[in-house]
Amino acid sequence: MKKKTNNLTDFSKVKIIEETRNISEWNIVDGFKCEKCGTEIIDYSRREVDEYTGEVYEWEYTPKYCPECGRKVVDE
């Protein structure tokens, strides 16, 4: 006998991703301030070391998540 299935989504298993915006007056690569928790970061950059030459590369980086509260940063 076949079990009857329900086509409705079980929302108890859905993870809700909370969002925030950058409320800094600066461009997001120059300064980030979380709208929700107030964490402020200036000159956000990313560094990587070339594994063959050992040279360090640095470039501007746009945060995808707030490093303090973990909310996803959305564009305005």
N, C-alpha and C. Protein backbone atom coordinates (compact mmCIF):
# COMPACT_ATOMS: atom_id res chain seq x y z
N MET A 1 0.84 -1.18 0.00
CA MET A 1 0.00 0.00 0.00
C MET A 1 0.89 1.25 0.00
N LYS A 2 0.58 2.18 -0.89
CA LYS A 2 1.37 3.42 -0.98
C LYS A 2 0.99 4.38 0.14
N LYS A 3 2.03 5.03 0.65
CA LYS A 3 1.80 6.05 1.69
C LYS A 3 1.40 7.35 1.02
N LYS A 4 0.38 7.97 1.53
CA LYS A 4 -0.09 9.24 0.99
C LYS A 4 0.88 10.35 1.40
N THR A 5 1.32 11.15 0.46
CA THR A 5 2.26 12.24 0.77
C THR A 5 1.57 13.58 0.67
N ASN A 6 2.09 14.51 1.43
CA ASN A 6 1.57 15.86 1.43
C ASN A 6 2.53 16.73 0.62
N ASN A 7 2.05 17.49 -0.30
CA ASN A 7 2.89 18.32 -1.16
C ASN A 7 3.26 19.65 -0.53
N LEU A 8 2.82 19.91 0.68
CA LEU A 8 3.14 21.17 1.34
C LEU A 8 4.56 21.14 1.89
N THR A 9 5.22 22.28 1.88
CA THR A 9 6.58 22.38 2.40
C THR A 9 6.57 22.36 3.92
N ASP A 10 7.51 21.63 4.51
CA ASP A 10 7.66 21.60 5.96
C ASP A 10 8.54 22.79 6.36
N PHE A 11 7.91 23.90 6.78
CA PHE A 11 8.64 25.12 7.08
C PHE A 11 9.42 25.05 8.39
N SER A 12 9.26 23.99 9.16
CA SER A 12 10.03 23.87 10.39
C SER A 12 11.50 23.59 10.10
N LYS A 13 11.81 23.15 8.88
CA LYS A 13 13.18 22.84 8.50
C LYS A 13 13.83 23.94 7.67
N VAL A 14 13.11 24.99 7.37
CA VAL A 14 13.63 26.09 6.55
C VAL A 14 14.44 27.03 7.43
N LYS A 15 15.66 27.31 7.01
CA LYS A 15 16.52 28.22 7.75
C LYS A 15 16.31 29.64 7.23
N ILE A 16 16.00 30.55 8.11
CA ILE A 16 15.78 31.94 7.73
C ILE A 16 17.11 32.68 7.84
N ILE A 17 17.52 33.31 6.76
CA ILE A 17 18.77 34.06 6.75
C ILE A 17 18.45 35.51 7.05
N GLU A 18 18.98 35.99 8.16
CA GLU A 18 18.75 37.39 8.52
C GLU A 18 19.69 38.27 7.72
N GLU A 19 19.22 39.46 7.37
CA GLU A 19 19.99 40.37 6.52
C GLU A 19 20.27 41.68 7.24
N THR A 20 21.29 42.37 6.75
CA THR A 20 21.65 43.69 7.25
C THR A 20 22.12 44.54 6.08
N ARG A 21 22.28 45.81 6.31
CA ARG A 21 22.79 46.73 5.29
C ARG A 21 23.99 47.47 5.84
N ASN A 22 24.79 48.01 4.94
CA ASN A 22 25.91 48.86 5.31
C ASN A 22 25.37 50.28 5.52
N ILE A 23 25.47 50.80 6.73
CA ILE A 23 24.98 52.16 6.99
C ILE A 23 26.11 53.17 7.11
N SER A 24 27.31 52.74 6.75
CA SER A 24 28.45 53.65 6.76
C SER A 24 28.27 54.69 5.65
N GLU A 25 28.82 55.87 5.86
CA GLU A 25 28.74 56.92 4.84
C GLU A 25 29.73 56.66 3.72
N TRP A 26 30.65 55.72 3.92
CA TRP A 26 31.70 55.43 2.95
C TRP A 26 31.27 54.31 2.00
N ASN A 27 32.03 54.15 0.95
CA ASN A 27 31.86 53.02 0.05
C ASN A 27 32.12 51.75 0.87
N ILE A 28 31.44 50.66 0.57
CA ILE A 28 31.54 49.46 1.40
C ILE A 28 32.95 48.88 1.48
N VAL A 29 33.80 49.09 0.47
CA VAL A 29 35.17 48.59 0.54
C VAL A 29 36.05 49.47 1.42
N ASP A 30 35.62 50.70 1.70
CA ASP A 30 36.38 51.61 2.56
C ASP A 30 35.91 51.60 4.00
N GLY A 31 34.66 51.28 4.22
CA GLY A 31 34.12 51.25 5.56
C GLY A 31 32.80 50.53 5.61
N PHE A 32 32.62 49.71 6.62
CA PHE A 32 31.38 48.95 6.79
C PHE A 32 30.86 49.16 8.20
N LYS A 33 29.57 49.45 8.32
CA LYS A 33 28.92 49.54 9.63
C LYS A 33 27.61 48.78 9.53
N CYS A 34 27.47 47.76 10.37
CA CYS A 34 26.29 46.90 10.35
C CYS A 34 25.07 47.66 10.88
N GLU A 35 23.99 47.61 10.12
CA GLU A 35 22.75 48.28 10.50
C GLU A 35 22.16 47.67 11.77
N LYS A 36 22.36 46.37 11.99
CA LYS A 36 21.72 45.68 13.11
C LYS A 36 22.52 45.73 14.41
N CYS A 37 23.83 45.39 14.35
CA CYS A 37 24.61 45.30 15.60
C CYS A 37 25.57 46.47 15.80
N GLY A 38 25.80 47.29 14.76
CA GLY A 38 26.64 48.47 14.90
C GLY A 38 28.13 48.25 14.74
N THR A 39 28.55 47.01 14.46
CA THR A 39 29.97 46.74 14.26
C THR A 39 30.49 47.56 13.10
N GLU A 40 31.64 48.21 13.30
CA GLU A 40 32.21 49.07 12.27
C GLU A 40 33.62 48.60 11.92
N ILE A 41 33.88 48.49 10.63
CA ILE A 41 35.19 48.07 10.14
C ILE A 41 35.64 49.08 9.10
N ILE A 42 36.91 49.48 9.18
CA ILE A 42 37.45 50.44 8.23
C ILE A 42 38.55 49.76 7.42
N ASP A 43 38.61 50.08 6.13
CA ASP A 43 39.61 49.52 5.21
C ASP A 43 39.59 48.00 5.20
N TYR A 44 38.46 47.45 4.89
CA TYR A 44 38.29 46.00 4.80
C TYR A 44 39.04 45.51 3.57
N SER A 45 40.00 44.61 3.74
CA SER A 45 40.78 44.10 2.61
C SER A 45 41.04 42.61 2.77
N ARG A 46 41.47 42.02 1.69
CA ARG A 46 41.77 40.59 1.69
C ARG A 46 43.22 40.39 1.28
N ARG A 47 43.91 39.48 1.95
CA ARG A 47 45.31 39.18 1.63
C ARG A 47 45.46 37.70 1.30
N GLU A 48 46.27 37.43 0.31
CA GLU A 48 46.60 36.04 -0.03
C GLU A 48 48.08 35.96 -0.35
N VAL A 49 48.66 34.83 -0.03
CA VAL A 49 50.08 34.60 -0.30
C VAL A 49 50.19 33.62 -1.45
N ASP A 50 50.96 34.00 -2.47
CA ASP A 50 51.20 33.11 -3.60
C ASP A 50 52.04 31.93 -3.10
N GLU A 51 51.53 30.72 -3.25
CA GLU A 51 52.21 29.56 -2.69
C GLU A 51 53.53 29.24 -3.40
N TYR A 52 53.73 29.75 -4.61
CA TYR A 52 54.97 29.47 -5.35
C TYR A 52 56.04 30.54 -5.13
N THR A 53 55.63 31.82 -5.14
CA THR A 53 56.60 32.90 -5.03
C THR A 53 56.69 33.48 -3.62
N GLY A 54 55.67 33.27 -2.81
CA GLY A 54 55.64 33.83 -1.47
C GLY A 54 55.22 35.29 -1.42
N GLU A 55 54.87 35.86 -2.59
CA GLU A 55 54.44 37.25 -2.63
C GLU A 55 53.06 37.39 -1.99
N VAL A 56 52.87 38.52 -1.31
CA VAL A 56 51.59 38.80 -0.66
C VAL A 56 50.80 39.75 -1.54
N TYR A 57 49.58 39.36 -1.85
CA TYR A 57 48.68 40.19 -2.65
C TYR A 57 47.55 40.68 -1.76
N GLU A 58 47.21 41.94 -1.91
CA GLU A 58 46.14 42.53 -1.10
C GLU A 58 45.22 43.33 -2.02
N TRP A 59 43.92 43.18 -1.82
CA TRP A 59 42.98 43.96 -2.60
C TRP A 59 41.75 44.27 -1.77
N GLU A 60 40.99 45.27 -2.25
CA GLU A 60 39.77 45.65 -1.54
C GLU A 60 38.79 44.48 -1.59
N TYR A 61 38.03 44.35 -0.53
CA TYR A 61 37.15 43.21 -0.39
C TYR A 61 35.81 43.68 0.16
N THR A 62 34.74 43.21 -0.40
CA THR A 62 33.41 43.55 0.06
C THR A 62 32.90 42.43 0.97
N PRO A 63 32.58 42.73 2.23
CA PRO A 63 32.10 41.68 3.11
C PRO A 63 30.74 41.15 2.67
N LYS A 64 30.57 39.83 2.75
CA LYS A 64 29.30 39.20 2.40
C LYS A 64 28.44 39.00 3.64
N TYR A 65 29.09 38.91 4.80
CA TYR A 65 28.41 38.73 6.08
C TYR A 65 29.05 39.63 7.12
N CYS A 66 28.27 40.07 8.10
CA CYS A 66 28.82 40.85 9.21
C CYS A 66 29.68 39.92 10.06
N PRO A 67 30.92 40.31 10.34
CA PRO A 67 31.79 39.42 11.12
C PRO A 67 31.36 39.26 12.58
N GLU A 68 30.52 40.13 13.09
CA GLU A 68 30.09 40.05 14.49
C GLU A 68 28.78 39.28 14.66
N CYS A 69 27.73 39.70 13.95
CA CYS A 69 26.41 39.08 14.15
C CYS A 69 26.08 38.00 13.11
N GLY A 70 26.85 37.95 12.03
CA GLY A 70 26.67 36.89 11.03
C GLY A 70 25.56 37.12 10.03
N ARG A 71 24.93 38.28 10.07
CA ARG A 71 23.85 38.54 9.11
C ARG A 71 24.43 38.78 7.72
N LYS A 72 23.66 38.40 6.70
CA LYS A 72 24.07 38.57 5.32
C LYS A 72 23.95 40.04 4.93
N VAL A 73 25.00 40.58 4.32
CA VAL A 73 25.00 41.98 3.88
C VAL A 73 24.35 42.05 2.51
N VAL A 74 23.29 42.86 2.38
CA VAL A 74 22.59 43.01 1.11
C VAL A 74 22.84 44.40 0.55
N ASP A 75 22.83 44.50 -0.77
CA ASP A 75 22.98 45.79 -1.42
C ASP A 75 21.70 46.59 -1.26
N GLU A 76 21.86 47.87 -1.24
CA GLU A 76 20.68 48.73 -1.09
C GLU A 76 19.90 48.83 -2.36
